[in-house]
Protein backbone atom coordinates (compact mmCIF):
# COMPACT_ATOMS: atom_id res chain seq x y z
CA MET A 1 -4.76 -12.22 -53.95
CA THR A 2 -1.04 -12.22 -53.67
CA GLY A 3 1.55 -11.86 -50.96
CA LEU A 4 0.48 -11.59 -47.34
CA GLU A 5 -3.18 -10.86 -48.14
CA LYS A 6 -3.79 -14.52 -49.04
CA TYR A 7 -3.34 -15.45 -45.37
CA GLN A 8 -6.48 -15.03 -43.28
CA ASN A 9 -6.01 -13.72 -39.74
CA THR A 10 -8.32 -16.37 -38.26
CA ASP A 11 -6.13 -19.14 -39.73
CA LEU A 12 -2.96 -17.39 -38.64
CA LEU A 13 -4.27 -16.94 -35.08
CA GLN A 14 -5.16 -20.62 -34.89
CA GLN A 15 -1.62 -21.49 -35.96
CA LEU A 16 -0.15 -18.91 -33.60
CA LYS A 17 -1.93 -20.58 -30.69
CA LYS A 18 0.05 -23.69 -31.64
CA SER A 19 3.23 -21.57 -31.39
CA SER A 20 3.79 -21.39 -35.14
CA PRO A 21 6.79 -19.12 -35.90
CA PHE A 22 5.54 -18.90 -39.49
CA ALA A 23 2.14 -17.51 -38.44
CA PHE A 24 3.83 -15.03 -36.12
CA GLN A 25 6.16 -13.88 -38.90
CA VAL A 26 3.28 -13.41 -41.36
CA LEU A 27 1.32 -11.34 -38.82
CA PHE A 28 4.43 -9.31 -38.07
CA ASP A 29 5.04 -8.72 -41.79
CA LYS A 30 1.39 -7.74 -42.33
CA TYR A 31 1.11 -5.28 -39.47
CA SER A 32 4.49 -4.11 -38.18
CA GLN A 33 4.78 -1.18 -40.61
CA LYS A 34 1.22 -0.04 -39.87
CA ILE A 35 1.91 -0.09 -36.13
CA TYR A 36 5.22 1.67 -36.72
CA ARG A 37 3.64 4.50 -38.74
CA PHE A 38 0.80 4.81 -36.22
CA SER A 39 3.29 5.04 -33.33
CA LEU A 40 5.57 7.45 -35.15
CA SER A 41 2.67 9.81 -35.84
CA TYR A 42 2.23 10.23 -32.07
CA LEU A 43 5.75 9.87 -30.72
CA LYS A 44 7.68 11.63 -33.51
CA ASP A 45 10.65 9.43 -32.65
CA LYS A 46 11.75 6.51 -34.84
CA ALA A 47 13.47 4.56 -32.05
CA GLU A 48 10.45 4.87 -29.74
CA ALA A 49 8.09 3.84 -32.56
CA GLU A 50 10.25 0.76 -33.22
CA GLU A 51 10.12 -0.07 -29.51
CA ILE A 52 6.32 0.09 -29.61
CA VAL A 53 6.28 -2.39 -32.51
CA GLN A 54 8.57 -4.75 -30.58
CA GLU A 55 6.54 -4.40 -27.40
CA VAL A 56 3.24 -5.07 -29.17
CA PHE A 57 4.50 -8.16 -30.96
CA MET A 58 6.27 -9.50 -27.87
CA LYS A 59 2.92 -9.27 -26.07
CA ILE A 60 1.19 -11.00 -28.99
CA TRP A 61 3.65 -13.87 -28.78
CA SER A 62 3.55 -14.16 -24.99
CA SER A 63 -0.28 -14.07 -24.90
CA ARG A 64 -0.82 -16.16 -28.04
CA ASN A 65 -2.83 -18.80 -26.15
CA GLU A 66 -5.40 -16.20 -25.02
CA LEU A 67 -5.97 -14.54 -28.39
CA VAL A 68 -9.60 -14.57 -29.47
CA ASP A 69 -10.25 -15.52 -33.12
CA HIS A 70 -13.58 -13.75 -33.56
CA THR A 71 -12.41 -10.25 -32.61
CA SER A 72 -10.73 -7.93 -35.09
CA PHE A 73 -7.05 -8.70 -34.76
CA GLU A 74 -6.13 -5.37 -36.34
CA SER A 75 -8.26 -3.42 -33.83
CA PHE A 76 -6.72 -5.47 -31.03
CA LEU A 77 -3.21 -4.62 -32.28
CA PHE A 78 -3.92 -0.92 -32.54
CA THR A 79 -5.46 -0.86 -29.06
CA MET A 80 -2.29 -2.47 -27.70
CA ALA A 81 -0.19 0.04 -29.62
CA LYS A 82 -2.27 2.96 -28.33
CA ASN A 83 -1.81 1.80 -24.73
CA ALA A 84 1.94 1.37 -25.24
CA ILE A 85 2.15 4.86 -26.79
CA LEU A 86 0.28 6.37 -23.83
CA ASN A 87 2.66 4.65 -21.41
CA THR A 88 5.64 5.98 -23.35
CA LEU A 89 4.20 9.50 -23.32
CA ARG A 90 3.54 9.28 -19.58
CA LYS A 91 7.13 8.17 -18.91
CA SER A 92 8.41 11.00 -21.09
CA LYS A 93 6.18 13.45 -19.23
CA TYR A 94 7.50 12.08 -15.93
CA HIS A 95 11.10 12.56 -17.02
CA GLN A 96 10.41 16.11 -18.23
CA ALA A 97 8.60 16.92 -14.98
CA TYR A 98 11.56 15.59 -13.02
CA LEU A 99 13.98 17.83 -14.93
CA GLU A 100 11.77 20.90 -14.50
CA TYR A 101 11.26 20.24 -10.79
CA SER A 102 15.01 19.79 -10.32
CA LYS A 103 15.70 23.16 -12.01
CA LEU A 104 13.07 24.95 -9.93
CA HIS A 105 14.12 23.36 -6.63
CA PRO A 106 17.89 22.82 -6.70
CA GLY A 107 19.00 20.75 -3.75
CA LYS A 108 15.44 20.19 -2.54
CA ASN A 109 14.73 16.51 -2.05
CA VAL A 110 11.20 16.55 -0.60
CA LEU A 111 9.86 14.56 -3.51
CA LEU A 112 12.45 13.98 -6.18
CA ASP A 113 15.72 12.56 -5.01
CA GLU A 114 17.66 9.48 -5.96
CA GLU A 115 15.46 7.39 -3.67
CA LEU A 116 12.20 8.41 -5.30
CA ASP A 117 10.47 5.39 -6.67
CA PHE A 118 7.96 6.18 -9.37
CA ASN A 119 5.97 3.20 -8.09
CA GLU A 120 5.64 4.90 -4.71
CA LEU A 121 4.03 7.93 -6.32
CA ASN A 122 1.86 5.72 -8.49
CA ARG A 123 0.67 3.73 -5.45
CA ALA A 124 -0.23 6.95 -3.67
CA TYR A 125 -2.06 8.14 -6.77
CA GLN A 126 -4.01 4.86 -7.07
CA LYS A 127 -5.00 5.05 -3.39
CA SER A 128 -6.20 8.62 -3.93
CA VAL A 129 -8.32 7.52 -6.88
CA GLU A 130 -9.78 4.68 -4.79
CA ARG A 131 -10.84 7.19 -2.13
CA LEU A 132 -13.11 9.01 -4.59
CA SER A 133 -16.84 8.32 -4.36
CA PRO A 134 -17.89 5.45 -6.69
CA ARG A 135 -19.54 7.70 -9.29
CA ARG A 136 -16.73 10.25 -9.31
CA ARG A 137 -14.14 7.46 -9.51
CA GLU A 138 -15.94 5.91 -12.51
CA ILE A 139 -16.06 9.25 -14.33
CA TYR A 140 -12.40 9.89 -13.56
CA ARG A 141 -11.30 6.45 -14.78
CA LEU A 142 -13.36 6.68 -17.96
CA SER A 143 -11.61 9.97 -18.67
CA ARG A 144 -8.04 9.17 -17.64
CA GLU A 145 -7.75 5.41 -18.18
CA LYS A 146 -10.15 4.86 -21.08
CA ASN A 147 -9.41 8.27 -22.65
CA LEU A 148 -13.10 8.99 -23.26
CA SER A 149 -14.21 12.55 -23.95
CA ASN A 150 -16.55 14.31 -21.53
CA ALA A 151 -19.35 13.95 -24.10
CA ALA A 152 -18.73 10.20 -24.43
CA ILE A 153 -18.71 9.77 -20.64
CA ALA A 154 -21.93 11.79 -20.34
CA GLU A 155 -23.61 9.59 -22.94
CA LYS A 156 -22.30 6.35 -21.41
CA MET A 157 -23.44 7.31 -17.89
CA ASP A 158 -26.62 9.10 -19.00
CA ILE A 159 -25.64 12.38 -17.33
CA SER A 160 -24.95 15.89 -18.65
CA VAL A 161 -21.56 16.99 -19.95
CA LYS A 162 -21.59 19.72 -17.28
CA THR A 163 -21.96 17.06 -14.58
CA VAL A 164 -18.96 15.21 -16.01
CA GLU A 165 -16.92 18.44 -16.02
CA ASN A 166 -17.92 19.24 -12.42
CA GLN A 167 -17.11 15.70 -11.26
CA MET A 168 -13.72 15.77 -13.00
CA THR A 169 -12.85 19.13 -11.44
CA ALA A 170 -13.82 17.81 -8.01
CA ALA A 171 -11.96 14.52 -8.57
CA LEU A 172 -8.74 16.30 -9.54
CA ALA A 173 -8.95 18.63 -6.54
CA GLU A 174 -9.59 15.68 -4.21
CA ILE A 175 -6.73 13.59 -5.62
CA LYS A 176 -4.36 16.56 -5.37
CA LYS A 177 -5.42 17.17 -1.76
CA ASN A 178 -4.98 13.49 -0.85
CA LEU A 179 -1.49 13.42 -2.39
CA ARG A 180 -0.49 16.57 -0.57
CA SER A 181 -1.65 15.04 2.71
CA LEU A 182 0.69 12.11 1.95
CA GLY A 183 3.59 14.51 1.38
CA PHE A 184 3.64 14.56 -2.41
CA SER A 185 3.83 17.74 -4.40
CA GLY A 186 0.66 18.56 -6.30
CA ILE A 187 2.71 20.20 -9.03
CA ILE A 188 4.65 17.07 -9.86
CA PHE A 189 1.49 14.98 -9.70
CA PHE A 190 -0.24 17.10 -12.30
CA GLU A 191 2.83 16.98 -14.55
CA LEU A 192 2.85 13.19 -14.33
CA PHE A 193 -0.74 12.09 -14.37
CA ILE A 194 -2.94 14.79 -15.83
């Protein structure tokens, strides 16, 4: 073996826990291009893909003491990258929704004005999810937060795919209704979160 392949991840992670810059650099050199290509395939933007790489490795460094040796480091990295990509896509969707809403409602500041705090909408959304029945909430979270397919959710919960579909439809309607009752536009919610 030559180059970076001679370094075992388990050894590198042990060194990284001791704050070894060398171990960090080797892991970065081994995986940064893979993460970059993976990110670019989804985001189609070089700068955003580079940001994902930086974000992932900053998190690796800041959480180096909690890294687990026996798990697949590569799988762990790609899971972190996937989550960062989803967050980037959501932010992009939010920005696009904002622009579209502004065009459709010039001068209207019911929801989107300079004082709108995305966190305020997110808090309202989280409260709406919490108000779902336990089973419906679990199905919804498996779909939206864990990105599982309806078939995977059905298998995991030992229910039919049709039940998952019905529960998701009901969950979305309920969340939309709850947000409207709090004064948020259902249209913007669906642009942002669905």
